[in-house]
Amino acid sequence: MIDGMITVTEASQLAGCDGSYIRRLLREGRLRGKQVTPRLWLVSKADTQQLKKELSTRSIGQRNAPKKHR
């Protein structure tokens, strides 16, 4: 593999999210990566680690958020 790049499968395992979410972020340009073939993306490992931090911070905030009353 290219230095600093990982597969979508590895990125999804590292970030703790689904591969389809990783691919969507890649298509939208919100995550750096390189499309090697129509079915193979290589993802920036550093960006994936940052995504993991953002997702864990977001989930902590959601758990501590006050419940909405109906």
PDB file of N, CA and C in Angstrom:
ATOM      1  N   MET A   1       0.839  -1.197   0.000  1.00  0.00           N
ATOM      2  CA  MET A   1       0.000   0.000   0.000  1.00  0.00           C
ATOM      3  C   MET A   1       0.879   1.253   0.000  1.00  0.00           C
ATOM      4  N   ILE A   2       0.267   2.342  -0.339  1.00  0.00           N
ATOM      5  CA  ILE A   2       0.946   3.633  -0.336  1.00  0.00           C
ATOM      6  C   ILE A   2       1.087   4.091   1.114  1.00  0.00           C
ATOM      7  N   ASP A   3       2.242   4.667   1.454  1.00  0.00           N
ATOM      8  CA  ASP A   3       2.473   5.134   2.822  1.00  0.00           C
ATOM      9  C   ASP A   3       1.385   6.096   3.274  1.00  0.00           C
ATOM     10  N   GLY A   4       0.888   5.872   4.482  1.00  0.00           N
ATOM     11  CA  GLY A   4      -0.126   6.749   5.048  1.00  0.00           C
ATOM     12  C   GLY A   4      -1.526   6.535   4.521  1.00  0.00           C
ATOM     13  N   MET A   5      -1.711   5.513   3.694  1.00  0.00           N
ATOM     14  CA  MET A   5      -3.027   5.241   3.114  1.00  0.00           C
ATOM     15  C   MET A   5      -3.495   3.855   3.539  1.00  0.00           C
ATOM     16  N   ILE A   6      -4.789   3.714   3.762  1.00  0.00           N
ATOM     17  CA  ILE A   6      -5.390   2.444   4.150  1.00  0.00           C
ATOM     18  C   ILE A   6      -6.631   2.200   3.300  1.00  0.00           C
ATOM     19  N   THR A   7      -7.115   0.973   3.318  1.00  0.00           N
ATOM     20  CA  THR A   7      -8.316   0.643   2.549  1.00  0.00           C
ATOM     21  C   THR A   7      -9.560   1.160   3.267  1.00  0.00           C
ATOM     22  N   VAL A   8     -10.670   1.163   2.561  1.00  0.00           N
ATOM     23  CA  VAL A   8     -11.948   1.581   3.155  1.00  0.00           C
ATOM     24  C   VAL A   8     -12.305   0.655   4.319  1.00  0.00           C
ATOM     25  N   THR A   9     -12.056  -0.631   4.155  1.00  0.00           N
ATOM     26  CA  THR A   9     -12.354  -1.591   5.231  1.00  0.00           C
ATOM     27  C   THR A   9     -11.542  -1.258   6.475  1.00  0.00           C
ATOM     28  N   GLU A  10     -10.258  -1.008   6.298  1.00  0.00           N
ATOM     29  CA  GLU A  10      -9.394  -0.659   7.441  1.00  0.00           C
ATOM     30  C   GLU A  10      -9.838   0.666   8.055  1.00  0.00           C
ATOM     31  N   ALA A  11     -10.203   1.634   7.218  1.00  0.00           N
ATOM     32  CA  ALA A  11     -10.653   2.938   7.708  1.00  0.00           C
ATOM     33  C   ALA A  11     -11.941   2.809   8.514  1.00  0.00           C
ATOM     34  N   SER A  12     -12.859   1.981   8.035  1.00  0.00           N
ATOM     35  CA  SER A  12     -14.128   1.829   8.755  1.00  0.00           C
ATOM     36  C   SER A  12     -13.904   1.146  10.098  1.00  0.00           C
ATOM     37  N   GLN A  13     -12.986   0.192  10.149  1.00  0.00           N
ATOM     38  CA  GLN A  13     -12.670  -0.472  11.422  1.00  0.00           C
ATOM     39  C   GLN A  13     -11.986   0.505  12.378  1.00  0.00           C
ATOM     40  N   LEU A  14     -11.062   1.297  11.865  1.00  0.00           N
ATOM     41  CA  LEU A  14     -10.345   2.263  12.688  1.00  0.00           C
ATOM     42  C   LEU A  14     -11.281   3.333  13.237  1.00  0.00           C
ATOM     43  N   ALA A  15     -12.162   3.855  12.392  1.00  0.00           N
ATOM     44  CA  ALA A  15     -13.053   4.945  12.798  1.00  0.00           C
ATOM     45  C   ALA A  15     -14.288   4.446  13.553  1.00  0.00           C
ATOM     46  N   GLY A  16     -14.581   3.141  13.418  1.00  0.00           N
ATOM     47  CA  GLY A  16     -15.748   2.597  14.101  1.00  0.00           C
ATOM     48  C   GLY A  16     -17.051   2.950  13.407  1.00  0.00           C
ATOM     49  N   CYS A  17     -17.022   3.004  12.086  1.00  0.00           N
ATOM     50  CA  CYS A  17     -18.241   3.309  11.339  1.00  0.00           C
ATOM     51  C   CYS A  17     -18.311   2.401  10.115  1.00  0.00           C
ATOM     52  N   ASP A  18     -19.377   2.516   9.372  1.00  0.00           N
ATOM     53  CA  ASP A  18     -19.613   1.651   8.229  1.00  0.00           C
ATOM     54  C   ASP A  18     -18.782   2.094   7.017  1.00  0.00           C
ATOM     55  N   GLY A  19     -18.382   1.134   6.200  1.00  0.00           N
ATOM     56  CA  GLY A  19     -17.616   1.428   4.994  1.00  0.00           C
ATOM     57  C   GLY A  19     -18.366   2.328   4.032  1.00  0.00           C
ATOM     58  N   SER A  20     -19.685   2.204   3.974  1.00  0.00           N
ATOM     59  CA  SER A  20     -20.466   3.053   3.066  1.00  0.00           C
ATOM     60  C   SER A  20     -20.386   4.518   3.498  1.00  0.00           C
ATOM     61  N   TYR A  21     -20.276   4.761   4.805  1.00  0.00           N
ATOM     62  CA  TYR A  21     -20.121   6.127   5.307  1.00  0.00           C
ATOM     63  C   TYR A  21     -18.751   6.680   4.895  1.00  0.00           C
ATOM     64  N   ILE A  22     -17.715   5.862   4.996  1.00  0.00           N
ATOM     65  CA  ILE A  22     -16.372   6.270   4.572  1.00  0.00           C
ATOM     66  C   ILE A  22     -16.381   6.609   3.085  1.00  0.00           C
ATOM     67  N   ARG A  23     -16.986   5.750   2.268  1.00  0.00           N
ATOM     68  CA  ARG A  23     -17.040   6.005   0.825  1.00  0.00           C
ATOM     69  C   ARG A  23     -17.822   7.281   0.510  1.00  0.00           C
ATOM     70  N   ARG A  24     -18.893   7.542   1.245  1.00  0.00           N
ATOM     71  CA  ARG A  24     -19.661   8.771   1.036  1.00  0.00           C
ATOM     72  C   ARG A  24     -18.810  10.001   1.348  1.00  0.00           C
ATOM     73  N   LEU A  25     -18.074   9.957   2.457  1.00  0.00           N
ATOM     74  CA  LEU A  25     -17.199  11.076   2.811  1.00  0.00           C
ATOM     75  C   LEU A  25     -16.125  11.291   1.746  1.00  0.00           C
ATOM     76  N   LEU A  26     -15.609  10.198   1.186  1.00  0.00           N
ATOM     77  CA  LEU A  26     -14.620  10.296   0.111  1.00  0.00           C
ATOM     78  C   LEU A  26     -15.231  10.953  -1.121  1.00  0.00           C
ATOM     79  N   ARG A  27     -16.413  10.503  -1.535  1.00  0.00           N
ATOM     80  CA  ARG A  27     -17.075  11.071  -2.715  1.00  0.00           C
ATOM     81  C   ARG A  27     -17.372  12.551  -2.538  1.00  0.00           C
ATOM     82  N   GLU A  28     -17.743  12.945  -1.316  1.00  0.00           N
ATOM     83  CA  GLU A  28     -18.084  14.337  -1.022  1.00  0.00           C
ATOM     84  C   GLU A  28     -16.845  15.202  -0.803  1.00  0.00           C
ATOM     85  N   GLY A  29     -15.663  14.582  -0.766  1.00  0.00           N
ATOM     86  CA  GLY A  29     -14.434  15.332  -0.549  1.00  0.00           C
ATOM     87  C   GLY A  29     -14.201  15.720   0.897  1.00  0.00           C
ATOM     88  N   ARG A  30     -14.929  15.104   1.811  1.00  0.00           N
ATOM     89  CA  ARG A  30     -14.801  15.415   3.236  1.00  0.00           C
ATOM     90  C   ARG A  30     -13.749  14.552   3.917  1.00  0.00           C
ATOM     91  N   LEU A  31     -13.209  13.588   3.184  1.00  0.00           N
ATOM     92  CA  LEU A  31     -12.155  12.704   3.672  1.00  0.00           C
ATOM     93  C   LEU A  31     -11.190  12.535   2.511  1.00  0.00           C
ATOM     94  N   ARG A  32      -9.884  12.697   2.783  1.00  0.00           N
ATOM     95  CA  ARG A  32      -8.900  12.584   1.705  1.00  0.00           C
ATOM     96  C   ARG A  32      -8.665  11.125   1.348  1.00  0.00           C
ATOM     97  N   GLY A  33      -8.578  10.875   0.060  1.00  0.00           N
ATOM     98  CA  GLY A  33      -8.316   9.532  -0.414  1.00  0.00           C
ATOM     99  C   GLY A  33      -8.066   9.548  -1.905  1.00  0.00           C
ATOM    100  N   LYS A  34      -7.785   8.366  -2.433  1.00  0.00           N
ATOM    101  CA  LYS A  34      -7.512   8.233  -3.859  1.00  0.00           C
ATOM    102  C   LYS A  34      -8.281   7.035  -4.376  1.00  0.00           C
ATOM    103  N   GLN A  35      -9.033   7.251  -5.435  1.00  0.00           N
ATOM    104  CA  GLN A  35      -9.765   6.154  -6.050  1.00  0.00           C
ATOM    105  C   GLN A  35      -8.817   5.483  -7.044  1.00  0.00           C
ATOM    106  N   VAL A  36      -8.391   4.259  -6.707  1.00  0.00           N
ATOM    107  CA  VAL A  36      -7.419   3.525  -7.506  1.00  0.00           C
ATOM    108  C   VAL A  36      -8.103   2.845  -8.689  1.00  0.00           C
ATOM    109  N   THR A  37      -9.232   2.225  -8.430  1.00  0.00           N
ATOM    110  CA  THR A  37     -10.063   1.607  -9.454  1.00  0.00           C
ATOM    111  C   THR A  37     -11.498   1.992  -9.137  1.00  0.00           C
ATOM    112  N   PRO A  38     -12.458   1.675 -10.003  1.00  0.00           N
ATOM    113  CA  PRO A  38     -13.845   2.034  -9.690  1.00  0.00           C
ATOM    114  C   PRO A  38     -14.339   1.468  -8.348  1.00  0.00           C
ATOM    115  N   ARG A  39     -13.730   0.384  -7.885  1.00  0.00           N
ATOM    116  CA  ARG A  39     -14.189  -0.235  -6.631  1.00  0.00           C
ATOM    117  C   ARG A  39     -13.202  -0.122  -5.480  1.00  0.00           C
ATOM    118  N   LEU A  40     -12.018   0.440  -5.711  1.00  0.00           N
ATOM    119  CA  LEU A  40     -10.985   0.496  -4.672  1.00  0.00           C
ATOM    120  C   LEU A  40     -10.576   1.925  -4.365  1.00  0.00           C
ATOM    121  N   TRP A  41     -10.783   2.309  -3.112  1.00  0.00           N
ATOM    122  CA  TRP A  41     -10.328   3.600  -2.603  1.00  0.00           C
ATOM    123  C   TRP A  41      -9.219   3.346  -1.601  1.00  0.00           C
ATOM    124  N   LEU A  42      -8.242   4.235  -1.566  1.00  0.00           N
ATOM    125  CA  LEU A  42      -7.266   4.284  -0.485  1.00  0.00           C
ATOM    126  C   LEU A  42      -7.533   5.569   0.278  1.00  0.00           C
ATOM    127  N   VAL A  43      -7.538   5.461   1.587  1.00  0.00           N
ATOM    128  CA  VAL A  43      -7.968   6.543   2.461  1.00  0.00           C
ATOM    129  C   VAL A  43      -6.793   7.020   3.301  1.00  0.00           C
ATOM    130  N   SER A  44      -6.715   8.314   3.540  1.00  0.00           N
ATOM    131  CA  SER A  44      -5.686   8.873   4.407  1.00  0.00           C
ATOM    132  C   SER A  44      -5.882   8.345   5.829  1.00  0.00           C
ATOM    133  N   LYS A  45      -4.848   7.696   6.355  1.00  0.00           N
ATOM    134  CA  LYS A  45      -4.939   7.167   7.721  1.00  0.00           C
ATOM    135  C   LYS A  45      -5.052   8.307   8.736  1.00  0.00           C
ATOM    136  N   ALA A  46      -4.321   9.393   8.503  1.00  0.00           N
ATOM    137  CA  ALA A  46      -4.382  10.541   9.423  1.00  0.00           C
ATOM    138  C   ALA A  46      -5.786  11.144   9.453  1.00  0.00           C
ATOM    139  N   ASP A  47      -6.416  11.286   8.287  1.00  0.00           N
ATOM    140  CA  ASP A  47      -7.781  11.812   8.232  1.00  0.00           C
ATOM    141  C   ASP A  47      -8.756  10.862   8.924  1.00  0.00           C
ATOM    142  N   THR A  48      -8.510   9.563   8.774  1.00  0.00           N
ATOM    143  CA  THR A  48      -9.385   8.570   9.408  1.00  0.00           C
ATOM    144  C   THR A  48      -9.270   8.653  10.926  1.00  0.00           C
ATOM    145  N   GLN A  49      -8.063   8.861  11.424  1.00  0.00           N
ATOM    146  CA  GLN A  49      -7.875   9.004  12.869  1.00  0.00           C
ATOM    147  C   GLN A  49      -8.567  10.258  13.384  1.00  0.00           C
ATOM    148  N   GLN A  50      -8.530  11.337  12.600  1.00  0.00           N
ATOM    149  CA  GLN A  50      -9.240  12.564  12.975  1.00  0.00           C
ATOM    150  C   GLN A  50     -10.749  12.333  12.967  1.00  0.00           C
ATOM    151  N   LEU A  51     -11.229  11.604  11.969  1.00  0.00           N
ATOM    152  CA  LEU A  51     -12.652  11.272  11.903  1.00  0.00           C
ATOM    153  C   LEU A  51     -13.079  10.489  13.139  1.00  0.00           C
ATOM    154  N   LYS A  52     -12.248   9.555  13.563  1.00  0.00           N
ATOM    155  CA  LYS A  52     -12.553   8.759  14.762  1.00  0.00           C
ATOM    156  C   LYS A  52     -12.716   9.668  15.977  1.00  0.00           C
ATOM    157  N   LYS A  53     -11.822  10.654  16.122  1.00  0.00           N
ATOM    158  CA  LYS A  53     -11.920  11.601  17.240  1.00  0.00           C
ATOM    159  C   LYS A  53     -13.225  12.389  17.166  1.00  0.00           C
ATOM    160  N   GLU A  54     -13.552  12.864  15.958  1.00  0.00           N
ATOM    161  CA  GLU A  54     -14.775  13.648  15.786  1.00  0.00           C
ATOM    162  C   GLU A  54     -16.016  12.820  16.084  1.00  0.00           C
ATOM    163  N   LEU A  55     -16.023  11.577  15.628  1.00  0.00           N
ATOM    164  CA  LEU A  55     -17.181  10.710  15.871  1.00  0.00           C
ATOM    165  C   LEU A  55     -17.323  10.378  17.345  1.00  0.00           C
ATOM    166  N   SER A  56     -16.206  10.154  18.036  1.00  0.00           N
ATOM    167  CA  SER A  56     -16.298   9.823  19.456  1.00  0.00           C
ATOM    168  C   SER A  56     -16.733  11.032  20.271  1.00  0.00           C
ATOM    169  N   THR A  57     -16.294  12.216  19.877  1.00  0.00           N
ATOM    170  CA  THR A  57     -16.716  13.441  20.563  1.00  0.00           C
ATOM    171  C   THR A  57     -18.200  13.682  20.341  1.00  0.00           C
ATOM    172  N   ARG A  58     -18.659  13.469  19.104  1.00  0.00           N
ATOM    173  CA  ARG A  58     -20.063  13.672  18.774  1.00  0.00           C
ATOM    174  C   ARG A  58     -20.943  12.700  19.543  1.00  0.00           C
ATOM    175  N   SER A  59     -20.532  11.441  19.645  1.00  0.00           N
ATOM    176  CA  SER A  59     -21.373  10.455  20.327  1.00  0.00           C
ATOM    177  C   SER A  59     -21.417  10.722  21.824  1.00  0.00           C
ATOM    178  N   ILE A  60     -20.317  11.238  22.397  1.00  0.00           N
ATOM    179  CA  ILE A  60     -20.332  11.584  23.821  1.00  0.00           C
ATOM    180  C   ILE A  60     -21.315  12.723  24.052  1.00  0.00           C
ATOM    181  N   GLY A  61     -21.280  13.731  23.186  1.00  0.00           N
ATOM    182  CA  GLY A  61     -22.199  14.856  23.306  1.00  0.00           C
ATOM    183  C   GLY A  61     -23.641  14.433  23.167  1.00  0.00           C
ATOM    184  N   GLN A  62     -23.914  13.482  22.288  1.00  0.00           N
ATOM    185  CA  GLN A  62     -25.277  13.012  22.096  1.00  0.00           C
ATOM    186  C   GLN A  62     -25.755  12.231  23.310  1.00  0.00           C
ATOM    187  N   ARG A  63     -24.873  11.479  23.934  1.00  0.00           N
ATOM    188  CA  ARG A  63     -25.280  10.716  25.123  1.00  0.00           C
ATOM    189  C   ARG A  63     -25.604  11.629  26.282  1.00  0.00           C
ATOM    190  N   ASN A  64     -24.888  12.755  26.379  1.00  0.00           N
ATOM    191  CA  ASN A  64     -25.076  13.658  27.511  1.00  0.00           C
ATOM    192  C   ASN A  64     -26.107  14.741  27.244  1.00  0.00           C
ATOM    193  N   ALA A  65     -26.631  14.771  26.037  1.00  0.00           N
ATOM    194  CA  ALA A  65     -27.615  15.798  25.697  1.00  0.00           C
ATOM    195  C   ALA A  65     -28.913  15.540  26.454  1.00  0.00           C
ATOM    196  N   PRO A  66     -29.610  16.616  26.857  1.00  0.00           N
ATOM    197  CA  PRO A  66     -30.887  16.422  27.545  1.00  0.00           C
ATOM    198  C   PRO A  66     -31.897  15.760  26.620  1.00  0.00           C
ATOM    199  N   LYS A  67     -32.748  14.937  27.188  1.00  0.00           N
ATOM    200  CA  LYS A  67     -33.779  14.231  26.418  1.00  0.00           C
ATOM    201  C   LYS A  67     -34.872  15.219  26.034  1.00  0.00           C
ATOM    202  N   LYS A  68     -35.381  15.042  24.832  1.00  0.00           N
ATOM    203  CA  LYS A  68     -36.479  15.885  24.370  1.00  0.00           C
ATOM    204  C   LYS A  68     -37.786  15.303  24.878  1.00  0.00           C
ATOM    205  N   HIS A  69     -38.628  16.158  25.400  1.00  0.00           N
ATOM    206  CA  HIS A  69     -39.932  15.709  25.877  1.00  0.00           C
ATOM    207  C   HIS A  69     -40.947  15.861  24.775  1.00  0.00           C
ATOM    208  N   ARG A  70     -41.838  14.915  24.688  1.00  0.00           N
ATOM    209  CA  ARG A  70     -42.871  14.959  23.636  1.00  0.00           C
ATOM    210  C   ARG A  70     -44.150  15.523  24.169  1.00  0.00           C
TER     211      ARG A  70
END
